[in-house]
């Protein structure tokens, strides 16, 4: 830089001049190129991020369909039902036959078609019955209003809407109506209000009501036929399978919790290999199943007889089985919490844990065996002596654990007398050990409640006896051996 004085006078300000290097223009061009490169890099990163999001969403969608292909089939069934019912709107003879109200059939398919057959029948019956009853009552009120002076007709119609809507809305608070007819009450209020109000301006009210009922009947019959005949999904079967699945998960959770606590100190590195955390958390599925069980049990009542499920199959008893499992799962949750706290706090004395480890492991194994026997009984819809024997063995293991537990205080006192260490920390661990053992005994008692609920379900549903089926082949073998005069076949039997 150079500073030059102006030649015009002494009072003139100095003038600054900057000497620009020869390569400055090249630097500016390079700077602009860098900015352009950064802009392109940002655009490419945005495009890659968008691609990753789209691919991730596509993988999640594919996983949902792969886990249960019936969901994809359900979408195809809805599309087929809408396509078939649209024929009434596109074909002139059918369109004229329903009086131009074919769009109500399309709307009925949209709102009635459900995933399960029970849900479709429930909504279809409620919609059809509510529409027909609301139409009949609306026609009756219209006839009464037509017999009066024209000035009083709006008051009669409005008064009927007020009274019936208030009564129908209040009925939704009744538990039975709420569980079985809630959707129908809503459709009744809607249909009656539309017909009663429009009847004041529409002359051909009877024809309009008849057209609405016909088109809704067409839509409901189309939905029920497609849902029940093409790859049907039964709510009763879903409830049945969910009950079996929850029992198995509860059995795995009991075993995993006990195994997590009584693992030796040197085996901490292999702890995740021996007991999966996912198995130990399986009880959560049982705790969160109440809403699903109630919904499926209510929908299953609307389904016709199918497979091994009779017309009046005791679906309500499945809720009692689920309640018994949740009663047990709450105790398993407390057991899991004690095991987690024991991992971070002072551990129980090694000799005390060794003293109770075998008995606790046997109790946990017997509890899991009893739950799996109950699960097998529900799954195969058969009864056998295996469940009763499993409960007896579980109670015997509990008695052995209680005997070992009664002898534990004397062992702890003897161990404290022979050691000079501070007994406070071992006593804290011993208290945790007593708590975990007591909770395990409580779990076994609650499993008996699950077995009793399964026995009640077997009696109400008339489960077949698996013991009788197993005895028949044995008797045939015995008779055959006696006829041949040899004991070889009898010994094999």
Foldseek 3Di string as FASTA:
>chain_A
DDWDFDPPDPPGDIDDDDDDDPCPVVVVVVVVVVVVVVVVVVVVVVVVVVVVVVVVVVVVVVVVCVVPVLVVVLVVLLVVLLVVLCCCVVDDVSCVVLPNPSVLLNVLSVPQFDSALLSNLLLLVLLLVLLVVLLVVLVVLLVVLVVDDLVCSVVSLVVVLVVLLVVLVVVCPPVVCVLRRNNSSVNNSVNNNVLNVCSNPDPPSVSVSVSSSVSSVVNSVSSSCSCVPPPHDHLLVVLLVLLLVLLLLLLLLLLLLLLLQLDDPVCPVCNCVVHPPSSVPSLVSLLPCLVVLSNSLSSNLSDDDDDLAHNPQPSVLSNVLSVLSNVLSVLSVVLNVLSVVCVVAQAADPVLSVLQSVLSNQLSNLLSQLSNVLSVCSVLLADECSNVVSLVSNVVSLVVNVVSVVCRVVVVVVVVVVDPDDCPSNVVNVVSVVVSSVSSSVSSVSSVSSVVSSVVSSVRSVRHYPVVVVVVVLVVQVVVCVVVVHCPSNVVD
